[in-house]
Amino acid sequence: MTVTAFVEEIWLPGCEKELPPATMQNYRGVSHRHLLPHLGKIQLGEVQPSHATALLAKLRDQGVRHRTIRYVKQIGSAIFSTAKSQYNLPGENPFKEGKLPRGKDKKPLKPCTSAEQVKKRLQVLPTQARAPVRCPACPTSLVAIGDQGSRMGRL
């Protein structure tokens, strides 16, 4: 039985009985958009961890967000866990063994506060609220602000 046949005929119908419609829509979308185009024609018992790792790396190279790639891995793992436990699929779950690629879509650090912005904040803040804080983008600089989240537009 191919991965596509298992997902379409057994796994998704089985999930439908237990999960809400929105979750099913997500499962169908991820399996049809990401999993089945890459693994669908392979026999279920022939999928190896290297297939899962290659799929996840390919998704990263295509610019798919890291969060989505983690979700693909979770769904792939659920599919093969079901196949292994309920249908005696031999071997290990390829998605549990498959390596998740390093994330690329981390948010960039915001630029440091300018000297003018620091002066403006210091004029507004009471003395006891001022404290030295290290800027995460420029660890060598200290900013003397302890204003707990004031926005420049409010000053």
Protein backbone atom coordinates (compact mmCIF):
# COMPACT_ATOMS: atom_id res chain seq x y z
CA MET A 1 0.00 0.00 0.00
CA THR A 2 1.35 3.45 -0.92
CA VAL A 3 1.53 6.38 1.47
CA THR A 4 -1.24 8.13 -0.51
CA ALA A 5 -3.54 5.10 -0.28
CA PHE A 6 -2.96 4.78 3.47
CA VAL A 7 -3.53 8.48 4.15
CA GLU A 8 -6.63 8.76 1.93
CA GLU A 9 -8.31 5.44 2.73
CA ILE A 10 -7.34 4.80 6.36
CA TRP A 11 -5.63 7.61 8.26
CA LEU A 12 -7.74 10.67 7.34
CA PRO A 13 -11.09 8.80 7.65
CA GLY A 14 -9.95 7.49 11.04
CA CYS A 15 -9.03 10.98 12.22
CA GLU A 16 -12.34 12.38 11.00
CA LYS A 17 -14.20 10.40 13.66
CA GLU A 18 -12.20 11.97 16.50
CA LEU A 19 -11.18 15.46 15.42
CA PRO A 20 -13.03 18.74 14.78
CA PRO A 21 -13.56 19.92 11.17
CA ALA A 22 -10.97 22.72 11.41
CA THR A 23 -8.26 20.26 12.46
CA MET A 24 -9.25 17.91 9.66
CA GLN A 25 -8.99 20.76 7.17
CA ASN A 26 -5.44 21.45 8.42
CA TYR A 27 -4.49 17.76 8.24
CA ARG A 28 -5.83 17.45 4.69
CA GLY A 29 -4.13 20.65 3.59
CA VAL A 30 -0.72 19.71 4.99
CA SER A 31 -0.86 16.14 3.74
CA HIS A 32 -1.97 17.16 0.22
CA ARG A 33 0.27 20.22 -0.05
CA HIS A 34 3.48 18.88 1.51
CA LEU A 35 3.55 15.16 2.34
CA LEU A 36 1.83 13.34 -0.50
CA PRO A 37 3.54 15.12 -3.43
CA HIS A 38 6.91 13.95 -2.06
CA LEU A 39 6.12 10.59 -0.44
CA GLY A 40 2.74 9.57 -1.86
CA LYS A 41 3.94 7.05 -4.45
CA ILE A 42 6.33 5.23 -2.09
CA GLN A 43 5.18 2.01 -0.44
CA LEU A 44 4.35 2.66 3.22
CA GLY A 45 6.91 0.15 4.53
CA GLU A 46 9.70 1.53 2.33
CA VAL A 47 9.73 5.10 3.71
CA GLN A 48 13.00 5.68 5.55
CA PRO A 49 14.14 8.46 7.91
CA SER A 50 16.26 9.77 5.02
CA HIS A 51 13.03 10.35 3.02
CA ALA A 52 11.55 12.35 5.90
CA THR A 53 14.74 14.36 6.39
CA ALA A 54 14.98 15.09 2.65
CA LEU A 55 11.34 16.20 2.55
CA LEU A 56 11.76 18.55 5.51
CA ALA A 57 14.98 20.01 4.05
CA LYS A 58 13.30 20.50 0.67
CA LEU A 59 10.44 22.38 2.32
CA ARG A 60 12.97 24.63 4.08
CA ASP A 61 14.77 25.27 0.78
CA GLN A 62 11.43 26.19 -0.83
CA GLY A 63 10.96 28.88 1.82
CA VAL A 64 8.29 27.12 3.87
CA ARG A 65 8.18 28.57 7.40
CA HIS A 66 9.90 26.58 10.16
CA ARG A 67 6.65 26.36 12.10
CA THR A 68 4.92 24.73 9.11
CA ILE A 69 7.81 22.30 8.66
CA ARG A 70 7.46 21.25 12.31
CA TYR A 71 3.74 20.71 11.70
CA VAL A 72 4.50 18.59 8.61
CA LYS A 73 6.83 16.48 10.74
CA GLN A 74 4.18 16.08 13.45
CA ILE A 75 1.54 14.98 10.95
CA GLY A 76 3.97 12.63 9.20
CA SER A 77 4.86 11.14 12.56
CA ALA A 78 1.17 10.67 13.42
CA ILE A 79 0.54 8.92 10.10
CA PHE A 80 3.39 6.46 10.59
CA SER A 81 2.61 5.95 14.29
CA THR A 82 -0.90 4.87 13.29
CA ALA A 83 0.46 2.60 10.55
CA LYS A 84 2.93 1.04 12.98
CA SER A 85 0.60 0.52 15.94
CA GLN A 86 -2.66 -0.41 14.23
CA TYR A 87 -1.44 -2.07 11.05
CA ASN A 88 1.83 -3.66 12.19
CA LEU A 89 4.05 -1.60 9.92
CA PRO A 90 7.58 -2.92 10.49
CA GLY A 91 10.53 -0.70 11.41
CA GLU A 92 10.77 2.68 13.07
CA ASN A 93 8.64 5.74 12.45
CA PRO A 94 10.64 7.62 9.75
CA PHE A 95 9.41 11.00 10.95
CA LYS A 96 10.50 10.41 14.53
CA GLU A 97 13.97 9.58 13.25
CA GLY A 98 13.97 12.24 10.51
CA LYS A 99 15.93 15.40 11.29
CA LEU A 100 14.16 18.73 11.43
CA PRO A 101 16.18 21.36 9.53
CA ARG A 102 17.35 24.45 11.35
CA GLY A 103 14.88 27.32 11.25
CA LYS A 104 15.58 30.20 8.91
CA ASP A 105 12.69 32.51 9.63
CA LYS A 106 13.71 33.97 12.97
CA LYS A 107 12.58 37.54 13.45
CA PRO A 108 15.44 40.01 13.03
CA LEU A 109 16.38 42.07 16.06
CA LYS A 110 14.97 45.57 16.06
CA PRO A 111 17.50 48.35 15.67
CA CYS A 112 18.91 49.96 18.79
CA THR A 113 17.33 52.99 20.31
CA SER A 114 18.99 56.15 19.00
CA ALA A 115 20.67 58.64 21.29
CA GLU A 116 17.86 61.12 20.61
CA GLN A 117 15.24 58.57 21.65
CA VAL A 118 17.15 57.81 24.85
CA LYS A 119 17.35 61.53 25.74
CA LYS A 120 13.64 61.97 25.08
CA ARG A 121 12.73 59.01 27.29
CA LEU A 122 15.05 60.14 30.10
CA GLN A 123 13.36 63.55 30.16
CA VAL A 124 9.95 61.93 30.65
CA LEU A 125 10.81 59.13 33.10
CA PRO A 126 11.05 59.62 36.85
CA THR A 127 14.53 59.02 38.26
CA GLN A 128 13.63 55.77 40.08
CA ALA A 129 12.39 54.18 36.82
CA ARG A 130 15.77 54.56 35.11
CA ALA A 131 18.04 51.53 35.03
CA PRO A 132 20.88 50.41 32.76
CA VAL A 133 19.75 47.82 30.19
CA ARG A 134 21.83 45.99 27.57
CA CYS A 135 20.62 46.20 24.01
CA PRO A 136 20.27 42.64 22.54
CA ALA A 137 21.37 43.79 19.09
CA CYS A 138 24.44 45.66 20.39
CA PRO A 139 25.64 43.86 23.55
CA THR A 140 28.43 46.36 24.14
CA SER A 141 26.07 49.32 24.50
CA LEU A 142 24.07 50.25 27.56
CA VAL A 143 20.78 52.07 27.39
CA ALA A 144 19.66 53.84 30.53
CA ILE A 145 15.97 53.05 30.31
CA GLY A 146 13.73 51.01 32.53
CA ASP A 147 10.42 52.24 31.24
CA GLN A 148 8.78 48.80 30.92
CA GLY A 149 7.52 49.14 27.37
CA SER A 150 6.71 52.75 26.63
CA ARG A 151 6.42 53.46 22.93
CA MET A 152 8.17 56.38 21.29
CA GLY A 153 4.90 57.53 19.74
CA ARG A 154 3.45 58.05 23.23
CA LEU A 155 6.24 60.36 24.45
